[in-house]
């Protein structure tokens, strides 16, 4: 079992993850990235369930493509890794309570 991310290029040139699927293992002699890309009409890239912040969480070694891809992540071609979306947005203010008359 392997995981694959479908990415789509935005107008500004960024590649954004649109979907992540469970697919076939690469050890079967087939280029599954190419197969799934042709099937879906989107660029397809393998991603590792065990990778977080550049580390393989099972072995402690180097991870594959930086992070396990998630919807909304950006694929950085230069670094060949998935980058999580910014999480520094301020939280929404609590709704104002209606005044009582």
N, C-alpha and C. Protein backbone atom coordinates (compact mmCIF):
# COMPACT_ATOMS: atom_id res chain seq x y z
N UNK A 1 0.84 -1.17 0.00
CA UNK A 1 0.00 0.00 0.00
C UNK A 1 0.90 1.24 0.00
N UNK A 2 0.58 2.18 -0.89
CA UNK A 2 1.33 3.42 -0.99
C UNK A 2 0.34 4.58 -1.07
N UNK A 3 0.82 5.77 -0.80
CA UNK A 3 -0.04 6.96 -0.84
C UNK A 3 0.44 7.89 -1.94
N UNK A 4 -0.54 8.51 -2.60
CA UNK A 4 -0.25 9.41 -3.72
C UNK A 4 -1.04 10.69 -3.57
N UNK A 5 -0.40 11.81 -3.93
CA UNK A 5 -1.05 13.12 -3.88
C UNK A 5 -1.26 13.63 -5.29
N UNK A 6 -2.46 14.14 -5.55
CA UNK A 6 -2.76 14.79 -6.81
C UNK A 6 -2.61 16.28 -6.59
N UNK A 7 -1.78 16.91 -7.43
CA UNK A 7 -1.53 18.34 -7.30
C UNK A 7 -1.95 19.07 -8.57
N UNK A 8 -2.37 20.32 -8.37
CA UNK A 8 -2.82 21.14 -9.48
C UNK A 8 -2.09 22.48 -9.39
N UNK A 9 -1.67 22.99 -10.54
CA UNK A 9 -0.92 24.24 -10.55
C UNK A 9 -1.86 25.44 -10.55
N UNK A 10 -1.61 26.35 -9.61
CA UNK A 10 -2.37 27.59 -9.50
C UNK A 10 -1.86 28.60 -10.52
N UNK A 11 -2.61 29.68 -10.72
CA UNK A 11 -2.22 30.73 -11.66
C UNK A 11 -0.87 31.36 -11.28
N UNK A 12 -0.55 31.36 -9.97
CA UNK A 12 0.72 31.95 -9.51
C UNK A 12 1.89 30.98 -9.60
N UNK A 13 1.65 29.77 -10.15
CA UNK A 13 2.72 28.80 -10.34
C UNK A 13 2.87 27.78 -9.23
N UNK A 14 2.20 27.97 -8.09
CA UNK A 14 2.30 27.02 -6.98
C UNK A 14 1.54 25.75 -7.30
N UNK A 15 2.08 24.61 -6.86
CA UNK A 15 1.39 23.32 -6.98
C UNK A 15 0.69 23.03 -5.66
N UNK A 16 -0.64 22.86 -5.69
CA UNK A 16 -1.42 22.66 -4.47
C UNK A 16 -2.03 21.26 -4.48
N UNK A 17 -1.94 20.57 -3.34
CA UNK A 17 -2.51 19.22 -3.20
C UNK A 17 -4.03 19.33 -3.18
N UNK A 18 -4.69 18.58 -4.06
CA UNK A 18 -6.15 18.57 -4.16
C UNK A 18 -6.76 17.30 -3.57
N UNK A 19 -5.97 16.20 -3.58
CA UNK A 19 -6.49 14.92 -3.10
C UNK A 19 -5.32 14.01 -2.77
N UNK A 20 -5.51 13.14 -1.79
CA UNK A 20 -4.52 12.11 -1.44
C UNK A 20 -5.25 10.78 -1.44
N UNK A 21 -4.64 9.78 -2.09
CA UNK A 21 -5.27 8.46 -2.18
C UNK A 21 -4.32 7.37 -1.71
N UNK A 22 -4.89 6.23 -1.40
CA UNK A 22 -4.12 5.02 -1.16
C UNK A 22 -4.08 4.27 -2.48
N UNK A 23 -2.89 3.88 -2.90
CA UNK A 23 -2.75 3.21 -4.18
C UNK A 23 -1.84 1.99 -4.09
N UNK A 24 -1.36 1.58 -5.25
CA UNK A 24 -0.54 0.37 -5.35
C UNK A 24 0.91 0.65 -4.97
N UNK A 25 1.58 -0.40 -4.46
CA UNK A 25 3.00 -0.30 -4.13
C UNK A 25 3.84 -0.14 -5.39
N UNK A 26 4.96 0.53 -5.25
CA UNK A 26 5.85 0.76 -6.38
C UNK A 26 6.65 -0.48 -6.77
N UNK A 27 6.67 -1.49 -5.95
CA UNK A 27 7.51 -2.66 -6.21
C UNK A 27 6.93 -3.61 -7.25
N UNK A 28 5.92 -3.20 -7.97
CA UNK A 28 5.29 -4.06 -8.97
C UNK A 28 5.78 -3.79 -10.38
N UNK A 29 6.82 -2.96 -10.55
CA UNK A 29 7.39 -2.68 -11.85
C UNK A 29 6.58 -1.72 -12.70
N UNK A 30 5.67 -0.98 -12.08
CA UNK A 30 4.82 -0.02 -12.79
C UNK A 30 5.09 1.37 -12.21
N UNK A 31 5.12 2.37 -13.08
CA UNK A 31 5.25 3.75 -12.60
C UNK A 31 3.85 4.23 -12.22
N UNK A 32 3.50 4.03 -10.95
CA UNK A 32 2.15 4.34 -10.49
C UNK A 32 1.88 5.83 -10.49
N UNK A 33 2.88 6.68 -10.28
CA UNK A 33 2.67 8.13 -10.37
C UNK A 33 2.15 8.48 -11.77
N UNK A 34 2.79 7.95 -12.78
CA UNK A 34 2.38 8.21 -14.16
C UNK A 34 1.00 7.61 -14.43
N UNK A 35 0.78 6.39 -13.97
CA UNK A 35 -0.50 5.72 -14.19
C UNK A 35 -1.65 6.53 -13.61
N UNK A 36 -1.54 6.93 -12.34
CA UNK A 36 -2.61 7.68 -11.70
C UNK A 36 -2.77 9.08 -12.31
N UNK A 37 -1.67 9.70 -12.73
CA UNK A 37 -1.73 11.01 -13.37
C UNK A 37 -2.53 10.93 -14.67
N UNK A 38 -2.27 9.91 -15.46
CA UNK A 38 -3.00 9.73 -16.71
C UNK A 38 -4.47 9.41 -16.45
N UNK A 39 -4.73 8.65 -15.41
CA UNK A 39 -6.10 8.26 -15.06
C UNK A 39 -6.93 9.47 -14.63
N UNK A 40 -6.33 10.35 -13.82
CA UNK A 40 -7.05 11.49 -13.24
C UNK A 40 -6.88 12.80 -14.00
N UNK A 41 -5.84 12.88 -14.83
CA UNK A 41 -5.59 14.13 -15.54
C UNK A 41 -4.96 15.20 -14.67
N UNK A 42 -4.38 14.80 -13.54
CA UNK A 42 -3.66 15.72 -12.65
C UNK A 42 -2.28 15.15 -12.39
N UNK A 43 -1.35 16.01 -12.04
CA UNK A 43 -0.02 15.55 -11.66
C UNK A 43 -0.14 14.72 -10.39
N UNK A 44 0.57 13.60 -10.36
CA UNK A 44 0.49 12.69 -9.22
C UNK A 44 1.89 12.45 -8.66
N UNK A 45 2.01 12.54 -7.34
CA UNK A 45 3.30 12.35 -6.66
C UNK A 45 3.13 11.43 -5.46
N UNK A 46 4.08 10.54 -5.29
CA UNK A 46 4.06 9.64 -4.13
C UNK A 46 4.31 10.47 -2.88
N UNK A 47 3.68 10.09 -1.80
CA UNK A 47 3.90 10.73 -0.51
C UNK A 47 4.01 9.64 0.55
N UNK A 48 4.73 9.90 1.61
CA UNK A 48 4.94 8.89 2.64
C UNK A 48 4.15 9.20 3.90
N UNK A 49 3.30 8.25 4.27
CA UNK A 49 2.48 8.38 5.48
C UNK A 49 3.35 8.58 6.72
N UNK A 50 4.58 8.08 6.68
CA UNK A 50 5.44 8.10 7.86
C UNK A 50 6.35 9.32 7.93
N UNK A 51 6.19 10.30 7.03
CA UNK A 51 7.09 11.47 7.01
C UNK A 51 6.42 12.68 7.63
N UNK A 52 7.14 13.30 8.55
CA UNK A 52 6.70 14.55 9.16
C UNK A 52 7.94 15.40 9.44
N UNK A 53 7.89 16.66 9.01
CA UNK A 53 9.00 17.60 9.23
C UNK A 53 10.34 17.04 8.79
N UNK A 54 10.35 16.32 7.66
CA UNK A 54 11.59 15.80 7.09
C UNK A 54 12.14 14.56 7.75
N UNK A 55 11.38 13.97 8.69
CA UNK A 55 11.87 12.81 9.43
C UNK A 55 10.90 11.64 9.23
N UNK A 56 11.47 10.45 9.02
CA UNK A 56 10.65 9.25 8.97
C UNK A 56 10.31 8.90 10.41
N UNK A 57 9.02 8.99 10.76
CA UNK A 57 8.61 8.82 12.15
C UNK A 57 8.73 7.39 12.65
N UNK A 58 8.89 6.44 11.75
CA UNK A 58 9.08 5.04 12.18
C UNK A 58 10.54 4.72 12.46
N UNK A 59 11.44 5.26 11.61
CA UNK A 59 12.85 4.90 11.74
C UNK A 59 13.72 5.99 12.32
N UNK A 60 13.23 7.24 12.30
CA UNK A 60 14.04 8.36 12.76
C UNK A 60 14.98 8.87 11.67
N UNK A 61 14.98 8.21 10.52
CA UNK A 61 15.84 8.62 9.40
C UNK A 61 15.21 9.75 8.59
N UNK A 62 15.80 9.99 7.45
CA UNK A 62 15.31 11.05 6.57
C UNK A 62 13.96 10.67 5.98
N UNK A 63 13.04 11.59 6.03
CA UNK A 63 11.70 11.36 5.48
C UNK A 63 11.67 11.53 3.97
N UNK A 64 10.54 11.20 3.37
CA UNK A 64 10.36 11.29 1.92
C UNK A 64 9.50 12.48 1.59
N UNK A 65 10.03 13.40 0.81
CA UNK A 65 9.33 14.60 0.35
C UNK A 65 8.83 15.49 1.49
N UNK A 66 9.61 15.56 2.56
CA UNK A 66 9.38 16.55 3.61
C UNK A 66 8.27 16.28 4.59
N UNK A 67 7.07 16.00 4.07
CA UNK A 67 5.90 15.76 4.90
C UNK A 67 4.94 14.86 4.15
N UNK A 68 4.10 14.17 4.90
CA UNK A 68 2.98 13.45 4.27
C UNK A 68 2.06 14.53 3.72
N UNK A 69 1.69 14.42 2.44
CA UNK A 69 0.86 15.44 1.80
C UNK A 69 -0.54 15.46 2.40
N UNK A 70 -1.10 16.64 2.46
CA UNK A 70 -2.47 16.82 2.90
C UNK A 70 -3.15 17.80 1.95
N UNK A 71 -4.45 17.75 1.89
CA UNK A 71 -5.18 18.67 1.03
C UNK A 71 -4.84 20.10 1.44
N UNK A 72 -4.50 20.92 0.45
CA UNK A 72 -4.12 22.30 0.72
C UNK A 72 -2.62 22.50 0.89
N UNK A 73 -1.86 21.42 1.04
CA UNK A 73 -0.41 21.54 1.12
C UNK A 73 0.12 22.01 -0.23
N UNK A 74 1.29 22.62 -0.20
CA UNK A 74 1.94 23.04 -1.44
C UNK A 74 3.09 22.08 -1.73
N UNK A 75 3.23 21.71 -3.02
CA UNK A 75 4.38 20.91 -3.42
C UNK A 75 5.44 21.85 -3.95
N UNK A 76 6.60 21.87 -3.30
CA UNK A 76 7.72 22.71 -3.70
C UNK A 76 8.63 21.89 -4.60
N UNK A 77 8.61 22.19 -5.90
CA UNK A 77 9.41 21.41 -6.86
C UNK A 77 10.90 21.52 -6.60
N UNK A 78 11.34 22.71 -6.23
CA UNK A 78 12.77 22.92 -6.02
C UNK A 78 13.30 22.06 -4.88
N UNK A 79 12.55 21.98 -3.81
CA UNK A 79 12.97 21.17 -2.64
C UNK A 79 12.46 19.74 -2.71
N UNK A 80 11.55 19.46 -3.67
CA UNK A 80 10.91 18.15 -3.81
C UNK A 80 10.27 17.72 -2.48
N UNK A 81 9.42 18.63 -1.96
CA UNK A 81 8.74 18.29 -0.71
C UNK A 81 7.38 18.97 -0.61
N UNK A 82 6.55 18.39 0.24
CA UNK A 82 5.23 18.94 0.53
C UNK A 82 5.34 19.86 1.74
N UNK A 83 4.77 21.06 1.59
CA UNK A 83 4.87 22.07 2.63
C UNK A 83 3.46 22.35 3.15
N UNK A 84 3.26 22.27 4.47
CA UNK A 84 1.92 22.53 5.01
C UNK A 84 1.50 23.97 4.79
N UNK A 85 0.19 24.21 4.71
CA UNK A 85 -0.28 25.58 4.57
C UNK A 85 0.06 26.39 5.81
N UNK A 86 0.11 27.70 5.64
CA UNK A 86 0.39 28.59 6.77
C UNK A 86 -0.69 28.40 7.84
N UNK A 87 -0.26 28.34 9.08
CA UNK A 87 -1.21 28.18 10.18
C UNK A 87 -1.14 29.38 11.12
N UNK A 88 -0.58 30.48 10.62
CA UNK A 88 -0.39 31.64 11.48
C UNK A 88 -1.53 32.65 11.36
N UNK A 89 -2.62 32.27 10.71
CA UNK A 89 -3.75 33.18 10.60
C UNK A 89 -4.38 33.39 11.97
N UNK A 90 -4.76 34.63 12.28
CA UNK A 90 -5.38 34.87 13.59
C UNK A 90 -6.71 34.13 13.69
N UNK A 91 -7.02 33.69 14.87
CA UNK A 91 -8.29 32.99 15.06
C UNK A 91 -9.44 33.98 14.95
N UNK A 92 -10.57 33.46 14.57
CA UNK A 92 -11.75 34.33 14.42
C UNK A 92 -12.17 34.86 15.78
N UNK A 93 -12.60 36.08 15.78
CA UNK A 93 -13.09 36.69 17.02
C UNK A 93 -14.41 36.03 17.39
N UNK A 94 -14.69 35.89 18.68
CA UNK A 94 -15.97 35.29 19.08
C UNK A 94 -17.13 36.16 18.63
N UNK A 95 -18.24 35.56 18.28
CA UNK A 95 -19.38 36.37 17.84
C UNK A 95 -19.87 37.26 18.98
N UNK A 96 -20.32 38.43 18.60
CA UNK A 96 -20.85 39.36 19.61
C UNK A 96 -22.19 38.84 20.11
N UNK A 97 -22.41 39.02 21.38
CA UNK A 97 -23.69 38.58 21.94
C UNK A 97 -24.74 39.64 21.64
N UNK A 98 -25.94 39.19 21.35
CA UNK A 98 -27.05 40.12 21.09
C UNK A 98 -27.39 40.85 22.39
N UNK A 99 -27.64 42.12 22.26
CA UNK A 99 -27.99 42.88 23.45
C UNK A 99 -29.43 42.52 23.87
N UNK A 100 -29.61 42.51 25.15
CA UNK A 100 -30.95 42.20 25.66
C UNK A 100 -31.70 43.49 25.88
N UNK A 101 -32.96 43.49 25.52
CA UNK A 101 -33.76 44.69 25.67
C UNK A 101 -34.65 44.56 26.87
